[in-house]
Amino acid sequence: MNNTPLAERMRPRSLNDFEGQSKLLGPKGTLKNIIESGLIPSMILWGPPGTGKTTLAELLSKIQERPFYQISAINAGVKDIREIIEKSKNTGGLFTKKNPILFIDEIHRFSKSQQDALLGAVEKGIITLIGATTENPSFEVINALLSRCQVFILEPLPIESLRKIITKAINKDEILSKKNISVIEDDTLLRLSGGDARKLLSVLELVVNVLDNSKTIDISNDKVMDVIQTNMLMFDKAGDLHYDLVSAFIKSIRGSDPNAAIYWLARMIEAGEDVKFIGRRLIILASEDIGNANPNALLIAQSTFDAVNIIGLPEAKIILSQCVIYLASSVKSNSSYKSIQKAQEIIKETGNLSVPLHLRNAPTKLLKDLGHGEGYGYAHDFSNNFVSQEYLPNEIKDTCFYIPGNNQKENTLRNHLKNLWKDKYKY
């Protein structure tokens, strides 16, 4: 009997079998062009679990027939890194197609000294580094190493890719293909996966094993949910609910329910969550969901992150608790989030519009003669440090990006802007 998990049995053996990531691997994909060039740079693969980071690294080594070393940052140290580098020195020339690939899973868990140990080997081309991370590498990977790597972002798999994976598993897997499996409904399977192929296949395998007591295994939404709820510990044994817990945590704070927020905070701490991960999420939430309705929220969230980073557990839980209660109890506004979203949407529609001449820099006589800066009013030269002039490109001059939320502080901002701009800021 094959005890290998279904997700491992169904791991793609070639790029043609790889599902999703069309932006990277499609006909015009950035990574596909690099692969076809034959020169694979050191890179960081950033994306949620189950999006193909490990598989992609293995396939790259296979395509170019390179030696492949794989370690996990959870249980590897500087000694392991140095041993691999020594083995690699005689494998191939510098920056040749044959220099080994070192794949480091969860590279964000490496300390600064561990990451420093990689620098020389990456810079000299002794190894090609492929790091996988679920965290923003700008926060977790040291600048010196990050500057030597290209960052590729992997996205959660779309529904069509997930459905193809289900079909392949049922029809081609050495075990499942021998069973009479019928997928009547797949909504719950897809929802539970969250765009994670490994999680999808884990759920599918669990459901099939539980229902495998009849000639036909009919998979429906209700049956999937019954199996998962009955086998929750088995389902979560590898931390599959990590992102669900984070989601419940953030939504509870956003929903102004400090009781629920504290509960989910405790769940994450008990599960061994990194306090820095929690702290970063609080900083993001302070701007995204509170913003200028309570500007102190961002200051407190930033102070919380700094404090827990210094103190660590177990005492950090008290600081996190204080911050979570404050943020959950605060007035809310997503106006800052909506403003930048709308601005980016407009930029995608209109492209790079010209900077109005009166706002352009004019450091030389030539640029002044060309009209740069002509007609610009220096605000501090006017009454109340304000002059009414256009700051947007002419094509979008009447577009309103910032709409204050309906709360005390932003109502004050609304009135202030209306007094300054009169009809220009119409709310």
Protein backbone atom coordinates (compact mmCIF):
# COMPACT_ATOMS: atom_id res chain seq x y z
CA MET A 1 0.00 0.00 0.00
CA ASN A 2 1.36 3.41 -1.01
CA ASN A 3 1.53 5.67 2.06
CA THR A 4 2.79 8.66 0.08
CA PRO A 5 0.25 11.52 0.39
CA LEU A 6 -1.85 12.25 -2.67
CA ALA A 7 -0.39 15.78 -2.93
CA GLU A 8 3.09 14.28 -3.28
CA ARG A 9 1.97 11.58 -5.71
CA MET A 10 0.41 14.26 -7.92
CA ARG A 11 3.40 16.61 -7.86
CA PRO A 12 4.00 17.74 -11.50
CA ARG A 13 6.89 16.03 -13.25
CA SER A 14 7.24 18.62 -16.03
CA LEU A 15 6.31 22.25 -16.71
CA ASN A 16 3.54 21.02 -19.00
CA ASP A 17 1.87 19.41 -15.98
CA PHE A 18 2.25 22.56 -13.88
CA GLU A 19 -1.10 24.24 -13.20
CA GLY A 20 -1.56 27.98 -12.65
CA GLN A 21 0.98 30.83 -12.56
CA SER A 22 0.28 31.88 -16.14
CA LYS A 23 1.85 35.30 -15.50
CA LEU A 24 5.14 33.56 -14.82
CA LEU A 25 4.95 30.49 -17.02
CA GLY A 26 2.46 31.43 -19.76
CA PRO A 27 3.51 32.20 -23.35
CA LYS A 28 4.71 35.67 -22.33
CA GLY A 29 5.58 34.76 -18.75
CA THR A 30 8.65 36.44 -17.27
CA LEU A 31 9.99 33.24 -15.73
CA LYS A 32 9.35 31.20 -18.87
CA ASN A 33 11.49 33.60 -20.90
CA ILE A 34 14.29 33.21 -18.36
CA ILE A 35 14.02 29.42 -18.46
CA GLU A 36 14.19 29.41 -22.25
CA SER A 37 17.31 31.60 -22.13
CA GLY A 38 19.07 28.77 -20.29
CA LEU A 39 20.45 30.98 -17.52
CA ILE A 40 18.62 30.64 -14.24
CA PRO A 41 19.36 33.48 -11.79
CA SER A 42 19.15 33.22 -8.03
CA MET A 43 15.56 33.97 -7.09
CA ILE A 44 13.00 34.26 -4.33
CA LEU A 45 9.62 32.61 -4.96
CA TRP A 46 7.06 34.47 -2.87
CA GLY A 47 3.53 33.19 -2.53
CA PRO A 48 0.97 31.37 -0.38
CA PRO A 49 1.32 27.66 0.42
CA GLY A 50 0.44 25.17 -2.29
CA THR A 51 1.11 27.45 -5.24
CA GLY A 52 4.02 25.42 -6.60
CA LYS A 53 7.17 26.98 -5.15
CA THR A 54 8.92 23.71 -4.28
CA THR A 55 7.74 21.99 -7.45
CA LEU A 56 8.95 24.86 -9.61
CA ALA A 57 12.40 24.76 -8.03
CA GLU A 58 12.66 21.00 -8.63
CA LEU A 59 11.53 21.36 -12.24
CA LEU A 60 14.08 24.10 -12.92
CA SER A 61 16.89 21.83 -11.74
CA LYS A 62 15.50 18.97 -13.80
CA ILE A 63 15.18 21.05 -16.98
CA GLN A 64 18.79 22.19 -16.79
CA GLU A 65 20.12 18.92 -15.34
CA ARG A 66 21.67 20.64 -12.36
CA PRO A 67 22.48 19.11 -8.98
CA PHE A 68 19.68 19.93 -6.56
CA TYR A 69 20.03 20.47 -2.83
CA GLN A 70 16.98 21.12 -0.68
CA ILE A 71 16.86 22.25 2.93
CA SER A 72 14.23 23.74 5.18
CA ALA A 73 15.00 26.88 7.14
CA ILE A 74 13.09 25.41 10.07
CA ASN A 75 15.68 22.75 10.87
CA ALA A 76 18.82 23.75 8.93
CA GLY A 77 21.67 25.93 10.13
CA VAL A 78 24.86 27.62 8.98
CA LYS A 79 26.73 24.29 9.14
CA ASP A 80 24.31 22.71 6.64
CA ILE A 81 24.68 25.68 4.30
CA ARG A 82 28.50 25.53 4.40
CA GLU A 83 28.53 21.78 3.73
CA ILE A 84 26.41 22.26 0.61
CA ILE A 85 28.57 25.16 -0.58
CA GLU A 86 31.72 23.02 -0.20
CA LYS A 87 30.11 20.20 -2.19
CA SER A 88 29.11 22.69 -4.87
CA LYS A 89 32.52 24.27 -5.39
CA ASN A 90 33.80 21.42 -7.56
CA THR A 91 30.49 20.69 -9.32
CA GLY A 92 30.72 23.27 -12.08
CA GLY A 93 32.27 26.53 -13.19
CA LEU A 94 31.15 29.87 -11.95
CA PHE A 95 27.77 30.95 -13.37
CA THR A 96 27.64 27.91 -15.65
CA LYS A 97 24.55 25.92 -16.42
CA LYS A 98 25.80 23.13 -14.17
CA ASN A 99 26.29 24.99 -10.91
CA PRO A 100 23.95 23.42 -8.32
CA ILE A 101 20.62 24.81 -7.24
CA LEU A 102 20.17 25.23 -3.50
CA PHE A 103 16.48 25.38 -2.63
CA ILE A 104 15.67 26.78 0.82
CA ASP A 105 12.08 26.35 1.90
CA GLU A 106 10.68 29.04 4.24
CA ILE A 107 13.81 31.15 3.84
CA HIS A 108 12.12 33.90 5.85
CA ARG A 109 12.81 31.80 8.97
CA PHE A 110 16.59 32.09 8.49
CA SER A 111 18.35 34.51 10.81
CA LYS A 112 20.57 37.30 9.49
CA SER A 113 23.73 35.27 10.17
CA GLN A 114 22.30 32.28 8.31
CA GLN A 115 21.41 34.46 5.33
CA ASP A 116 24.84 36.10 5.47
CA ALA A 117 26.40 32.66 5.06
CA LEU A 118 24.83 32.43 1.59
CA LEU A 119 26.10 35.74 0.22
CA GLY A 120 29.55 34.76 -1.01
CA ALA A 121 28.41 31.57 -2.72
CA VAL A 122 25.52 33.35 -4.46
CA GLU A 123 27.69 36.29 -5.53
CA LYS A 124 30.44 34.03 -6.96
CA GLY A 125 27.97 31.72 -8.69
CA ILE A 126 29.01 28.66 -6.70
CA ILE A 127 25.30 27.98 -6.19
CA THR A 128 22.08 29.28 -7.67
CA LEU A 129 19.82 30.08 -4.75
CA ILE A 130 16.07 29.53 -4.93
CA GLY A 131 14.34 30.61 -1.75
CA ALA A 132 10.67 30.01 -1.05
CA THR A 133 8.70 32.21 1.31
CA THR A 134 5.12 32.94 2.26
CA GLU A 135 6.21 36.26 3.76
CA ASN A 136 7.09 39.51 2.02
CA PRO A 137 10.82 39.10 1.27
CA SER A 138 11.35 42.84 1.69
CA PHE A 139 10.75 42.32 5.41
CA GLU A 140 12.36 38.94 5.92
CA VAL A 141 15.32 38.67 3.53
CA ILE A 142 18.39 40.84 4.16
CA ASN A 143 18.99 43.54 1.56
CA ALA A 144 22.39 42.20 0.53
CA LEU A 145 20.89 38.82 -0.39
CA LEU A 146 17.68 40.23 -1.82
CA SER A 147 19.65 42.48 -4.19
CA ARG A 148 21.30 39.39 -5.66
CA CYS A 149 18.01 37.63 -6.34
CA GLN A 150 15.04 38.19 -8.60
CA VAL A 151 11.69 38.05 -6.83
CA PHE A 152 8.83 36.18 -8.48
CA ILE A 153 5.33 36.33 -7.02
CA LEU A 154 3.17 33.21 -7.17
CA GLU A 155 -0.57 33.63 -6.83
CA PRO A 156 -3.28 31.35 -5.39
CA LEU A 157 -4.46 28.94 -8.06
CA PRO A 158 -7.60 29.97 -9.97
CA ILE A 159 -10.71 27.79 -9.93
CA GLU A 160 -10.09 26.35 -13.39
CA SER A 161 -6.65 25.13 -12.33
CA LEU A 162 -7.99 23.63 -9.11
CA ARG A 163 -10.68 21.76 -11.05
CA LYS A 164 -8.07 20.37 -13.44
CA ILE A 165 -6.05 19.15 -10.47
CA ILE A 166 -9.11 17.35 -9.04
CA THR A 167 -9.81 15.71 -12.40
CA LYS A 168 -6.18 14.62 -12.85
CA ALA A 169 -6.07 13.16 -9.34
CA ILE A 170 -9.23 11.12 -9.82
CA ASN A 171 -8.31 9.88 -13.29
CA LYS A 172 -4.53 9.46 -13.11
CA ASP A 173 -3.49 8.80 -9.52
CA GLU A 174 -2.41 5.19 -9.02
CA ILE A 175 -4.81 4.76 -6.08
CA LEU A 176 -7.74 7.08 -6.77
CA SER A 177 -8.04 6.01 -10.41
CA LYS A 178 -8.95 2.49 -9.24
CA LYS A 179 -11.92 3.77 -7.26
CA ASN A 180 -15.31 4.77 -8.60
CA ILE A 181 -15.27 8.46 -7.62
CA SER A 182 -17.90 10.94 -8.75
CA VAL A 183 -17.65 14.65 -7.96
CA ILE A 184 -21.24 15.84 -7.82
CA GLU A 185 -20.36 19.22 -6.26
CA ASP A 186 -16.97 20.84 -5.79
CA ASP A 187 -17.79 24.24 -4.24
CA THR A 188 -16.74 23.22 -0.72
CA LEU A 189 -13.59 21.48 -1.95
CA LEU A 190 -12.57 24.64 -3.79
CA ARG A 191 -13.47 26.94 -0.93
CA LEU A 192 -11.53 24.91 1.62
CA SER A 193 -8.48 24.86 -0.64
CA GLY A 194 -8.15 28.65 -0.70
CA GLY A 195 -6.21 28.38 -3.97
CA ASP A 196 -3.74 25.94 -2.37
CA ALA A 197 -3.21 22.82 -4.52
CA ARG A 198 -1.65 20.82 -1.69
CA LYS A 199 -4.52 21.66 0.64
CA LEU A 200 -7.04 20.78 -2.08
CA LEU A 201 -5.51 17.34 -2.62
CA SER A 202 -5.23 16.75 1.14
CA VAL A 203 -8.95 17.47 1.57
CA LEU A 204 -9.83 15.32 -1.44
CA GLU A 205 -7.76 12.41 -0.12
CA LEU A 206 -9.26 12.69 3.36
CA VAL A 207 -12.80 12.75 1.97
CA VAL A 208 -12.18 9.77 -0.30
CA ASN A 209 -10.65 7.74 2.54
CA VAL A 210 -13.58 8.46 4.88
CA LEU A 211 -16.24 7.74 2.24
CA ASP A 212 -14.47 4.68 0.87
CA ASN A 213 -16.98 2.18 2.19
CA SER A 214 -19.17 1.72 -0.85
CA LYS A 215 -18.83 0.89 -4.52
CA THR A 216 -19.34 4.52 -5.54
CA ILE A 217 -17.80 7.51 -3.78
CA ASP A 218 -20.09 10.46 -4.42
CA ILE A 219 -18.48 13.73 -3.36
CA SER A 220 -20.91 16.54 -2.52
CA ASN A 221 -20.60 19.82 -0.61
CA ASP A 222 -22.40 18.46 2.45
CA LYS A 223 -20.31 15.28 2.57
CA VAL A 224 -17.07 17.22 2.30
CA MET A 225 -18.05 19.54 5.14
CA ASP A 226 -19.18 16.66 7.34
CA VAL A 227 -15.85 14.88 6.83
CA ILE A 228 -13.80 18.00 7.54
CA GLN A 229 -15.72 18.96 10.67
CA THR A 230 -15.47 15.40 12.01
CA ASN A 231 -11.75 15.18 11.22
CA MET A 232 -10.66 18.74 11.96
CA LEU A 233 -7.54 17.74 13.91
CA MET A 234 -6.39 15.51 11.07
CA PHE A 235 -7.14 18.24 8.57
CA ASP A 236 -5.13 20.81 10.53
CA LYS A 237 -2.22 18.60 11.55
CA ALA A 238 0.20 20.42 9.23
CA GLY A 239 -1.09 23.90 10.00
CA ASP A 240 -3.51 24.01 7.08
CA LEU A 241 -5.74 26.43 9.01
CA HIS A 242 -2.94 28.98 9.43
CA TYR A 243 -4.42 31.45 6.98
CA ASP A 244 -7.97 30.77 8.14
CA LEU A 245 -6.99 31.74 11.68
CA VAL A 246 -5.31 34.92 10.43
CA SER A 247 -8.38 35.74 8.35
CA ALA A 248 -10.73 35.28 11.32
CA PHE A 249 -8.38 37.39 13.47
CA ILE A 250 -8.26 40.31 11.03
CA LYS A 251 -11.98 40.22 10.30
CA SER A 252 -12.80 40.25 14.02
CA ILE A 253 -10.72 43.40 14.55
CA ARG A 254 -12.19 44.98 11.42
CA GLY A 255 -15.65 44.09 12.75
CA SER A 256 -14.94 45.85 16.09
CA ASP A 257 -15.29 42.69 18.19
CA PRO A 258 -12.41 42.68 20.72
CA ASN A 259 -13.67 39.46 22.36
CA ALA A 260 -13.41 37.47 19.13
CA ALA A 261 -10.15 39.19 18.18
CA ILE A 262 -8.52 38.15 21.47
CA TYR A 263 -9.78 34.57 21.03
CA TRP A 264 -8.22 34.26 17.57
CA LEU A 265 -5.04 35.93 18.84
CA ALA A 266 -4.80 33.27 21.54
CA ARG A 267 -5.42 30.54 18.96
CA MET A 268 -2.54 31.81 16.84
CA ILE A 269 -0.18 32.11 19.80
CA GLU A 270 -1.07 28.60 20.99
CA ALA A 271 -0.42 27.32 17.46
CA GLY A 272 3.10 28.76 17.61
CA GLU A 273 2.58 31.71 15.28
CA ASP A 274 5.51 34.12 14.91
CA VAL A 275 4.73 37.28 16.90
CA LYS A 276 6.39 39.39 14.20
CA PHE A 277 3.95 37.95 11.66
CA ILE A 278 1.04 39.00 13.90
CA GLY A 279 2.60 42.42 14.47
CA ARG A 280 2.96 43.10 10.75
CA ARG A 281 -0.68 42.21 10.15
CA LEU A 282 -1.70 44.69 12.84
CA ILE A 283 0.31 47.47 11.18
CA ILE A 284 -1.39 46.79 7.85
CA LEU A 285 -4.83 46.70 9.47
CA ALA A 286 -4.20 49.97 11.31
CA SER A 287 -4.00 51.78 7.97
CA GLU A 288 -6.31 49.64 5.86
CA ASP A 289 -9.25 49.46 8.26
CA ILE A 290 -8.78 52.41 10.65
CA GLY A 291 -6.62 54.99 8.89
CA ASN A 292 -7.34 58.64 9.56
CA ALA A 293 -10.43 57.84 11.59
CA ASN A 294 -7.87 57.28 14.36
CA PRO A 295 -4.29 58.09 13.25
CA ASN A 296 -2.94 56.87 16.60
CA ALA A 297 -3.80 53.32 15.56
CA LEU A 298 -0.85 53.16 13.18
CA LEU A 299 1.52 54.53 15.83
CA ILE A 300 0.36 51.98 18.38
CA ALA A 301 0.58 49.11 15.89
CA GLN A 302 4.12 50.12 14.92
CA SER A 303 5.11 50.44 18.60
CA THR A 304 3.60 47.00 19.23
CA PHE A 305 5.64 45.45 16.44
CA ASP A 306 8.85 47.02 17.77
CA ALA A 307 8.08 45.91 21.32
CA VAL A 308 7.23 42.27 20.58
CA ASN A 309 10.26 42.04 18.31
CA ILE A 310 12.47 43.01 21.26
CA ILE A 311 10.67 41.11 24.03
CA GLY A 312 9.39 37.94 22.40
CA LEU A 313 7.10 35.36 23.93
CA PRO A 314 5.68 34.74 26.46
CA GLU A 315 5.47 38.41 27.54
CA ALA A 316 4.80 39.64 24.00
CA LYS A 317 1.30 38.17 24.22
CA ILE A 318 0.34 40.92 26.70
CA ILE A 319 1.51 43.68 24.37
CA LEU A 320 -0.28 42.08 21.43
CA SER A 321 -3.44 41.76 23.52
CA GLN A 322 -3.38 45.46 24.43
CA CYS A 323 -2.91 46.49 20.80
CA VAL A 324 -5.58 44.11 19.50
CA ILE A 325 -8.15 45.41 22.00
CA TYR A 326 -7.30 49.01 21.05
CA LEU A 327 -7.57 48.38 17.30
CA ALA A 328 -10.74 46.32 17.60
CA SER A 329 -12.39 48.99 19.78
CA SER A 330 -11.35 51.88 17.53
CA VAL A 331 -13.57 53.68 15.03
CA LYS A 332 -13.01 52.34 11.52
CA SER A 333 -12.40 53.75 8.05
CA ASN A 334 -11.06 52.20 4.86
CA SER A 335 -10.87 55.51 2.99
CA SER A 336 -7.05 55.39 2.70
CA TYR A 337 -7.20 51.89 1.24
CA LYS A 338 -9.94 52.83 -1.23
CA SER A 339 -8.10 56.00 -2.27
CA ILE A 340 -4.89 54.26 -3.34
CA GLN A 341 -6.87 51.45 -4.98
CA LYS A 342 -8.83 53.94 -7.08
CA ALA A 343 -5.68 55.86 -8.02
CA GLN A 344 -3.98 52.68 -9.24
CA GLU A 345 -7.05 51.71 -11.25
CA ILE A 346 -7.06 55.13 -12.94
CA ILE A 347 -3.35 54.81 -13.75
CA LYS A 348 -3.98 51.43 -15.40
CA GLU A 349 -6.73 53.01 -17.50
CA THR A 350 -4.97 56.25 -18.45
CA GLY A 351 -1.30 55.27 -18.47
CA ASN A 352 1.51 57.64 -17.50
CA LEU A 353 -0.05 61.06 -17.93
CA SER A 354 2.26 64.04 -18.33
CA VAL A 355 3.15 66.10 -15.29
CA PRO A 356 1.59 69.59 -15.71
CA LEU A 357 4.24 72.16 -16.71
CA HIS A 358 3.72 74.36 -13.66
CA LEU A 359 4.50 71.38 -11.37
CA ARG A 360 7.67 70.30 -13.17
CA ASN A 361 11.13 70.77 -11.75
CA ALA A 362 13.14 73.63 -13.28
CA PRO A 363 16.77 73.39 -12.07
CA THR A 364 18.26 74.87 -15.28
CA LYS A 365 17.65 77.96 -17.42
CA LEU A 366 16.74 75.75 -20.40
CA LEU A 367 13.98 74.01 -18.48
CA LYS A 368 12.71 77.38 -17.24
CA ASP A 369 12.64 78.68 -20.81
CA LEU A 370 10.64 75.58 -21.76
CA GLY A 371 8.00 76.57 -19.23
CA HIS A 372 8.85 74.20 -16.41
CA GLY A 373 7.51 75.59 -13.14
CA GLU A 374 5.88 78.61 -14.82
CA GLY A 375 2.74 79.70 -13.00
CA TYR A 376 3.34 77.55 -9.93
CA GLY A 377 2.05 79.10 -6.73
CA TYR A 378 4.17 78.44 -3.65
CA ALA A 379 1.51 77.69 -1.03
CA HIS A 380 3.38 79.32 1.85
CA ASP A 381 3.38 82.65 0.04
CA PHE A 382 -0.41 82.83 0.29
CA SER A 383 -2.93 83.40 3.04
CA ASN A 384 -3.49 80.32 5.22
CA ASN A 385 -0.63 78.62 3.33
CA PHE A 386 -2.99 77.71 0.53
CA VAL A 387 -3.38 78.59 -3.14
CA SER A 388 -6.03 77.15 -5.42
CA GLN A 389 -4.26 75.56 -8.38
CA GLU A 390 -4.44 72.27 -10.29
CA TYR A 391 -2.18 69.47 -9.10
CA LEU A 392 -3.54 66.61 -11.24
CA PRO A 393 -2.94 66.01 -14.96
CA ASN A 394 -5.54 67.85 -17.02
CA GLU A 395 -7.08 64.59 -18.29
CA ILE A 396 -8.20 63.57 -14.79
CA LYS A 397 -8.45 66.97 -13.09
CA ASP A 398 -11.96 66.36 -11.73
CA THR A 399 -11.27 62.88 -10.36
CA CYS A 400 -11.79 62.45 -6.62
CA PHE A 401 -9.64 59.75 -5.03
CA TYR A 402 -9.94 60.48 -1.32
CA ILE A 403 -13.44 60.36 0.14
CA PRO A 404 -13.30 60.82 3.93
CA GLY A 405 -15.05 58.22 6.05
CA ASN A 406 -18.06 59.10 8.17
CA ASN A 407 -16.35 59.52 11.54
CA GLN A 408 -15.42 62.44 13.77
CA LYS A 409 -11.83 62.96 12.65
CA GLU A 410 -12.47 62.48 8.94
CA ASN A 411 -15.58 64.65 9.08
CA THR A 412 -13.24 67.38 10.32
CA LEU A 413 -10.92 66.65 7.37
CA ARG A 414 -13.89 66.75 5.00
CA ASN A 415 -14.97 70.19 6.20
CA HIS A 416 -11.40 71.48 6.06
CA LEU A 417 -10.91 70.33 2.46
CA LYS A 418 -14.29 71.72 1.39
CA ASN A 419 -13.45 75.09 2.93
CA LEU A 420 -10.16 75.16 1.03
CA TRP A 421 -11.30 73.83 -2.34
CA LYS A 422 -14.97 74.87 -2.40
CA ASP A 423 -16.60 72.93 -5.26
CA LYS A 424 -13.48 70.98 -6.24
CA TYR A 425 -13.89 68.54 -3.35
CA LYS A 426 -17.53 67.52 -3.71
CA TYR A 427 -18.56 65.00 -1.05
